[in-house]
Amino acid sequence: MWQLDYPWLLLLLPLPWLGYRYLPDYREARSAVRVPFFSAMSRAVGQAPSAAGTRSNRWQLLLNVLVWALVLLAAARPVYVEKPIERQQPVRDLMLAIDISQSMETTDFTDANGQKINRLAAVKAVVHGFIDKRKDDRLGLIVFGSGAYPQAPLTLDHASLSLLLDDTGIGMAGPNTAIGDAIGLSLKLLDQAHEQEKVLILLTDGNDTSSAITPDHAASMAAAKGVVIHTIGIGDPTAEGEAKVNLQGLQQIAQTTGGKFFRAEDRTALDQVYSTLDKLTPHQVKTLSHQPKRDLFWWPLGAAIALLALYHVGALLRPHLTLTRQRQEA
């Protein structure tokens, strides 16, 4: 599809006609020898003097009109608008913080075949499915035990993220649980994101025992930054020490930031948790569209120059052709 960027310039098309119709001919006075018998000489040779200007030269008048129209069309800037180029940009950043402390080695989950597996293996299987559903979101991964460590920054490369998730192992970050540090590190990574919607999904099966910053204080910082934290507790609240999950603390973190708390006691419940999270954090994709334009002004401009060139070449050759014809007739 083609269009004119400045179509209002076409309103100037009648301007030459107005000048031709209402302006007088341009005449220039020059010194000349007055011959009183000029008319008699003209009649004797059988020729009459022609009037000056373009009014008597219809071809030149037509040329002027065409050149004016073509130049004006070029000035109106005709362009060819190509098909729009669309690019999808995510408007939500999701950070996953997964507990890999020693208690995640407990084998109280079952896989799809009904075989007993440890908690981390069950979490990995469900998180992989969650990652596959978030194709248009930027996802990041943090693992934490005695300390919190960034496993993957916010990225759209979900294939690499899945590989990095598979590479995580129980005890890699230490045997204890540092929930507050995991939230603090997540906030630091999310600060680098430019999107307004920022979400942290925190999964743990234990109680905070080794954080430099308390989970309550970290949750308050997240709320101040507008980060929503969804918490998932998969541990045993009746256990002792490190293995006892602090369900009340996880509820408080989610409530402070406007998120949701989930309790997942088995793999089926864990899968349902991530399905619910997928609804709570829906795909929000901003589509950026751009339509490239290809300039076509040089077509009418080139035609105007070509017409002028042909006319002047013809004007130069006309006397020579006339003289040649007269010689042939003689």
Protein backbone atom coordinates (compact mmCIF):
# COMPACT_ATOMS: atom_id res chain seq x y z
CA MET A 1 0.00 0.00 0.00
CA TRP A 2 1.31 3.43 -0.92
CA GLN A 3 0.42 6.80 0.56
CA LEU A 4 1.45 10.46 0.58
CA ASP A 5 3.06 11.81 3.73
CA TYR A 6 2.18 15.42 2.82
CA PRO A 7 -0.98 15.17 0.69
CA TRP A 8 -1.95 18.79 1.46
CA LEU A 9 0.78 19.93 -0.95
CA LEU A 10 -1.42 18.78 -3.82
CA LEU A 11 -3.64 21.78 -3.09
CA LEU A 12 -0.96 23.85 -4.86
CA LEU A 13 -1.67 22.12 -8.21
CA PRO A 14 -3.85 25.01 -9.57
CA LEU A 15 -1.21 27.60 -8.69
CA PRO A 16 0.40 27.69 -12.20
CA TRP A 17 -3.02 27.99 -13.85
CA LEU A 18 -3.88 30.95 -11.63
CA GLY A 19 -0.62 32.62 -12.62
CA TYR A 20 -1.17 31.83 -16.28
CA ARG A 21 -4.72 33.13 -16.14
CA TYR A 22 -4.33 36.33 -14.17
CA LEU A 23 -0.68 37.43 -14.40
CA PRO A 24 0.50 39.42 -17.45
CA ASP A 25 3.22 38.17 -19.77
CA TYR A 26 6.72 38.96 -18.75
CA ARG A 27 8.28 41.46 -21.15
CA GLU A 28 11.81 42.81 -21.09
CA ALA A 29 12.77 46.02 -22.91
CA ARG A 30 15.97 45.80 -24.94
CA SER A 31 17.87 48.13 -27.27
CA ALA A 32 17.07 47.45 -30.89
CA VAL A 33 17.23 49.05 -34.33
CA ARG A 34 13.79 50.16 -35.47
CA VAL A 35 13.15 49.32 -39.12
CA PRO A 36 10.14 51.25 -40.49
CA PHE A 37 9.70 48.80 -43.38
CA PHE A 38 9.85 45.60 -41.18
CA SER A 39 6.31 44.61 -42.05
CA ALA A 40 6.99 44.92 -45.78
CA MET A 41 10.11 42.76 -45.42
CA SER A 42 8.14 40.09 -43.55
CA ARG A 43 5.50 39.96 -46.26
CA ALA A 44 8.16 39.79 -48.96
CA VAL A 45 9.83 36.72 -47.51
CA GLY A 46 6.46 35.15 -46.57
CA GLN A 47 7.10 34.94 -42.83
CA ALA A 48 5.45 36.58 -39.85
CA PRO A 49 7.13 37.27 -36.50
CA SER A 50 5.98 34.93 -33.68
CA ALA A 51 4.75 36.16 -30.33
CA ALA A 52 7.03 35.77 -27.32
CA GLY A 53 6.24 33.57 -24.34
CA THR A 54 4.66 30.12 -23.89
CA ARG A 55 1.08 31.06 -24.69
CA SER A 56 1.67 30.34 -28.34
CA ASN A 57 3.71 27.17 -27.66
CA ARG A 58 1.27 24.52 -26.50
CA TRP A 59 3.89 21.80 -26.20
CA GLN A 60 5.99 23.88 -23.84
CA LEU A 61 2.88 24.79 -21.88
CA LEU A 62 1.96 21.13 -21.51
CA LEU A 63 5.52 20.32 -20.47
CA ASN A 64 5.44 22.99 -17.77
CA VAL A 65 2.17 21.64 -16.39
CA LEU A 66 3.49 18.05 -16.30
CA VAL A 67 6.78 19.03 -14.68
CA TRP A 68 4.96 21.10 -12.04
CA ALA A 69 2.61 18.22 -11.22
CA LEU A 70 5.48 15.71 -10.97
CA VAL A 71 7.63 17.97 -8.79
CA LEU A 72 4.67 18.66 -6.51
CA LEU A 73 3.94 14.93 -6.29
CA ALA A 74 7.56 14.28 -5.32
CA ALA A 75 7.36 17.01 -2.66
CA ALA A 76 4.24 15.34 -1.22
CA ARG A 77 6.57 12.38 -0.53
CA PRO A 78 4.89 9.25 -1.85
CA VAL A 79 5.92 6.19 0.19
CA TYR A 80 5.18 2.49 0.02
CA VAL A 81 4.03 1.21 3.41
CA GLU A 82 5.20 -2.36 3.89
CA LYS A 83 3.63 -5.00 6.11
CA PRO A 84 3.92 -4.26 9.84
CA ILE A 85 6.79 -5.81 11.75
CA GLU A 86 5.62 -6.93 15.18
CA ARG A 87 7.73 -7.72 18.20
CA GLN A 88 6.38 -9.08 21.45
CA GLN A 89 7.81 -7.73 24.67
CA PRO A 90 7.00 -9.28 28.05
CA VAL A 91 5.52 -6.98 30.67
CA ARG A 92 5.94 -9.36 33.61
CA ASP A 93 9.16 -10.64 35.19
CA LEU A 94 9.00 -13.83 37.25
CA MET A 95 11.73 -14.89 39.65
CA LEU A 96 11.77 -18.45 41.01
CA ALA A 97 13.47 -19.01 44.38
CA ILE A 98 13.83 -22.73 45.13
CA ASP A 99 15.01 -24.26 48.38
CA ILE A 100 17.81 -26.83 47.87
CA SER A 101 18.69 -27.35 51.53
CA GLN A 102 19.39 -30.80 52.95
CA SER A 103 15.75 -31.36 53.93
CA MET A 104 14.74 -31.35 50.23
CA GLU A 105 16.27 -34.85 50.10
CA THR A 106 13.26 -36.28 51.91
CA THR A 107 11.48 -38.84 49.70
CA ASP A 108 7.83 -38.15 50.46
CA PHE A 109 6.68 -37.34 46.90
CA THR A 110 5.74 -39.65 44.04
CA ASP A 111 6.37 -39.26 40.31
CA ALA A 112 3.94 -39.89 37.43
CA ASN A 113 4.67 -43.64 37.65
CA GLY A 114 3.92 -43.77 41.36
CA GLN A 115 7.59 -44.18 42.39
CA LYS A 116 8.92 -42.39 45.46
CA ILE A 117 11.12 -39.38 44.72
CA ASN A 118 12.63 -36.65 46.82
CA ARG A 119 11.12 -33.21 47.16
CA LEU A 120 13.56 -31.46 44.83
CA ALA A 121 12.95 -33.96 42.00
CA ALA A 122 9.20 -33.38 42.33
CA VAL A 123 9.69 -29.61 42.34
CA LYS A 124 11.89 -29.76 39.22
CA ALA A 125 9.32 -31.80 37.30
CA VAL A 126 6.50 -29.38 38.11
CA VAL A 127 8.59 -26.22 37.58
CA HIS A 128 9.62 -27.45 34.12
CA GLY A 129 5.95 -27.56 33.13
CA PHE A 130 5.42 -24.10 34.58
CA ILE A 131 8.38 -22.71 32.60
CA ASP A 132 7.00 -24.20 29.37
CA LYS A 133 3.72 -22.32 29.90
CA ARG A 134 5.42 -18.92 30.39
CA LYS A 135 6.87 -18.57 26.91
CA ASP A 136 6.45 -14.80 26.74
CA ASP A 137 7.69 -13.96 30.25
CA ARG A 138 11.18 -13.32 31.45
CA LEU A 139 12.10 -15.87 34.09
CA GLY A 140 14.96 -16.02 36.55
CA LEU A 141 16.12 -18.66 39.02
CA ILE A 142 17.58 -18.38 42.52
CA VAL A 143 18.59 -21.36 44.66
CA PHE A 144 19.11 -21.08 48.39
CA GLY A 145 20.26 -23.13 51.33
CA SER A 146 22.57 -21.66 53.95
CA GLY A 147 23.00 -18.82 51.44
CA ALA A 148 21.19 -17.57 48.33
CA TYR A 149 22.78 -17.71 44.88
CA PRO A 150 21.60 -16.60 41.42
CA GLN A 151 21.37 -19.64 39.17
CA ALA A 152 19.98 -17.74 36.14
CA PRO A 153 19.22 -14.04 35.57
CA LEU A 154 15.94 -12.86 34.09
CA THR A 155 15.89 -14.26 30.58
CA LEU A 156 13.66 -15.30 27.70
CA ASP A 157 15.97 -18.25 27.00
CA HIS A 158 13.82 -20.80 28.77
CA ALA A 159 15.75 -23.74 27.34
CA SER A 160 18.92 -22.63 29.12
CA LEU A 161 16.91 -21.91 32.25
CA SER A 162 15.59 -25.48 32.26
CA LEU A 163 19.13 -26.85 31.89
CA LEU A 164 20.33 -24.73 34.80
CA LEU A 165 17.39 -25.97 36.87
CA ASP A 166 18.40 -29.56 36.11
CA ASP A 167 21.97 -28.82 37.22
CA THR A 168 20.90 -27.81 40.72
CA GLY A 169 21.49 -30.38 43.42
CA ILE A 170 20.58 -30.78 47.05
CA GLY A 171 23.10 -29.22 49.42
CA MET A 172 24.86 -27.13 46.74
CA ALA A 173 24.01 -23.96 48.68
CA GLY A 174 24.53 -25.48 52.13
CA PRO A 175 22.37 -27.55 54.47
CA ASN A 176 20.47 -24.71 56.19
CA THR A 177 17.66 -22.41 54.94
CA ALA A 178 18.06 -18.68 54.26
CA ILE A 179 14.62 -17.44 53.17
CA GLY A 180 15.29 -13.77 53.96
CA ASP A 181 18.51 -13.77 51.91
CA ALA A 182 16.70 -15.40 48.98
CA ILE A 183 14.09 -12.63 49.00
CA GLY A 184 16.79 -9.97 49.27
CA LEU A 185 18.76 -11.40 46.34
CA SER A 186 15.56 -11.66 44.28
CA LEU A 187 14.83 -7.97 44.89
CA LYS A 188 18.34 -7.07 43.77
CA LEU A 189 17.93 -8.99 40.50
CA LEU A 190 14.41 -7.66 39.91
CA ASP A 191 15.67 -4.09 40.36
CA GLN A 192 17.54 -4.52 37.08
CA ALA A 193 14.26 -5.20 35.24
CA HIS A 194 12.45 -2.34 33.52
CA GLU A 195 8.95 -3.81 33.62
CA GLN A 196 6.48 -2.72 36.29
CA GLU A 197 5.01 -6.16 36.99
CA LYS A 198 7.48 -8.15 39.11
CA VAL A 199 6.71 -11.44 40.82
CA LEU A 200 8.70 -13.77 43.07
CA ILE A 201 7.65 -17.39 43.60
CA LEU A 202 9.31 -18.70 46.77
CA LEU A 203 9.33 -22.44 47.48
CA THR A 204 10.75 -23.90 50.67
CA ASP A 205 10.29 -26.88 52.99
CA GLY A 206 12.08 -25.48 56.04
CA ASN A 207 12.37 -22.66 58.52
CA ASP A 208 14.67 -19.64 58.18
CA THR A 209 17.77 -20.28 60.29
CA SER A 210 20.73 -18.61 58.59
CA SER A 211 19.61 -15.37 56.87
CA ALA A 212 21.43 -12.10 57.42
CA ILE A 213 18.08 -10.35 56.95
CA THR A 214 14.84 -11.56 58.51
CA PRO A 215 12.10 -12.77 56.17
CA ASP A 216 9.63 -10.21 57.60
CA HIS A 217 11.97 -7.31 56.87
CA ALA A 218 12.73 -8.66 53.40
CA ALA A 219 8.98 -8.94 52.72
CA SER A 220 8.48 -5.32 53.76
CA MET A 221 11.23 -4.26 51.37
CA ALA A 222 9.53 -6.24 48.58
CA ALA A 223 6.19 -4.58 49.29
CA ALA A 224 7.85 -1.15 49.14
CA LYS A 225 9.31 -1.99 45.72
CA GLY A 226 6.00 -3.33 44.40
CA VAL A 227 7.20 -6.94 44.14
CA VAL A 228 4.52 -9.57 44.71
CA ILE A 229 5.69 -12.74 46.47
CA HIS A 230 3.79 -16.01 46.21
CA THR A 231 4.99 -18.55 48.77
CA ILE A 232 4.78 -22.35 48.60
CA GLY A 233 5.35 -24.53 51.67
CA ILE A 234 6.06 -28.20 51.05
CA GLY A 235 7.66 -29.24 54.31
CA ASP A 236 6.34 -30.90 57.45
CA PRO A 237 5.06 -28.39 60.05
CA THR A 238 5.27 -31.06 62.79
CA ALA A 239 8.97 -31.79 62.23
CA GLU A 240 11.74 -30.55 64.48
CA GLY A 241 14.51 -28.00 63.88
CA GLU A 242 15.62 -27.25 60.35
CA ALA A 243 13.08 -29.56 58.68
CA LYS A 244 10.07 -27.80 60.25
CA VAL A 245 8.43 -25.50 57.74
CA ASN A 246 7.21 -22.16 59.08
CA LEU A 247 3.79 -22.00 57.44
CA GLN A 248 2.77 -18.94 59.41
CA GLY A 249 5.88 -17.08 58.33
CA LEU A 250 5.26 -17.93 54.66
CA GLN A 251 1.66 -16.75 55.00
CA GLN A 252 2.87 -13.48 56.47
CA ILE A 253 5.34 -12.93 53.61
CA ALA A 254 2.64 -13.47 50.99
CA GLN A 255 0.13 -11.28 52.84
CA THR A 256 2.62 -8.41 53.22
CA THR A 257 3.37 -8.27 49.48
CA GLY A 258 -0.14 -8.96 48.18
CA GLY A 259 0.66 -12.49 47.09
CA LYS A 260 -0.83 -15.91 47.83
CA PHE A 261 0.29 -18.70 50.13
CA PHE A 262 0.02 -22.34 49.01
CA ARG A 263 0.43 -25.57 50.89
CA ALA A 264 1.63 -28.48 48.75
CA GLU A 265 1.74 -31.83 50.50
CA ASP A 266 2.31 -34.03 47.45
CA ARG A 267 3.20 -33.79 43.78
CA THR A 268 -0.42 -33.49 42.66
CA ALA A 269 -1.03 -30.60 45.04
CA LEU A 270 2.23 -29.00 43.91
CA ASP A 271 1.14 -29.26 40.28
CA GLN A 272 -2.18 -27.64 41.15
CA VAL A 273 -0.33 -24.83 42.92
CA TYR A 274 1.60 -23.93 39.76
CA SER A 275 -1.58 -24.17 37.67
CA THR A 276 -3.19 -21.68 40.04
CA LEU A 277 -0.11 -19.45 39.86
CA ASP A 278 -0.34 -19.52 36.09
CA LYS A 279 -3.82 -17.99 36.42
CA LEU A 280 -2.74 -15.48 39.06
CA THR A 281 0.16 -14.30 36.91
CA PRO A 282 -1.41 -14.36 33.42
CA HIS A 283 0.51 -13.77 30.24
CA GLN A 284 0.71 -10.06 29.63
CA VAL A 285 2.50 -9.33 26.38
CA LYS A 286 3.05 -5.90 24.91
CA THR A 287 3.08 -6.02 21.12
CA LEU A 288 5.27 -3.40 19.46
CA SER A 289 4.45 -2.79 15.81
CA HIS A 290 6.40 -0.89 13.18
CA GLN A 291 5.52 -0.39 9.53
CA PRO A 292 8.59 0.32 7.38
CA LYS A 293 8.20 2.96 4.69
CA ARG A 294 10.02 2.94 1.36
CA ASP A 295 10.42 6.33 -0.33
CA LEU A 296 9.05 6.64 -3.87
CA PHE A 297 9.55 10.40 -4.40
CA TRP A 298 12.40 9.78 -6.81
CA TRP A 299 10.01 8.24 -9.36
CA PRO A 300 8.05 11.47 -10.12
CA LEU A 301 11.17 13.58 -9.62
CA GLY A 302 13.11 11.43 -12.09
CA ALA A 303 10.22 11.62 -14.59
CA ALA A 304 10.21 15.43 -14.36
CA ILE A 305 13.97 15.62 -14.98
CA ALA A 306 13.69 13.16 -17.88
CA LEU A 307 10.90 15.23 -19.54
CA LEU A 308 12.94 18.42 -19.24
CA ALA A 309 16.01 16.70 -20.63
CA LEU A 310 14.08 15.28 -23.62
CA TYR A 311 12.51 18.67 -24.36
CA HIS A 312 15.83 20.53 -24.36
CA VAL A 313 17.54 17.86 -26.43
CA GLY A 314 14.71 18.17 -28.95
CA ALA A 315 15.04 21.94 -28.93
CA LEU A 316 18.73 21.66 -29.71
CA LEU A 317 18.19 19.16 -32.55
CA ARG A 318 15.19 20.92 -34.13
CA PRO A 319 17.17 23.57 -36.09
CA HIS A 320 19.55 20.95 -37.43
CA LEU A 321 16.68 18.70 -38.54
CA THR A 322 14.86 21.62 -40.16
CA LEU A 323 17.96 22.66 -42.10
CA THR A 324 18.54 19.09 -43.27
CA ARG A 325 14.93 18.81 -44.50
CA GLN A 326 15.16 22.09 -46.39
CA ARG A 327 18.34 20.91 -48.14
CA GLN A 328 16.69 17.67 -49.15
CA GLU A 329 13.65 19.52 -50.56
CA ALA A 330 15.92 21.89 -52.50
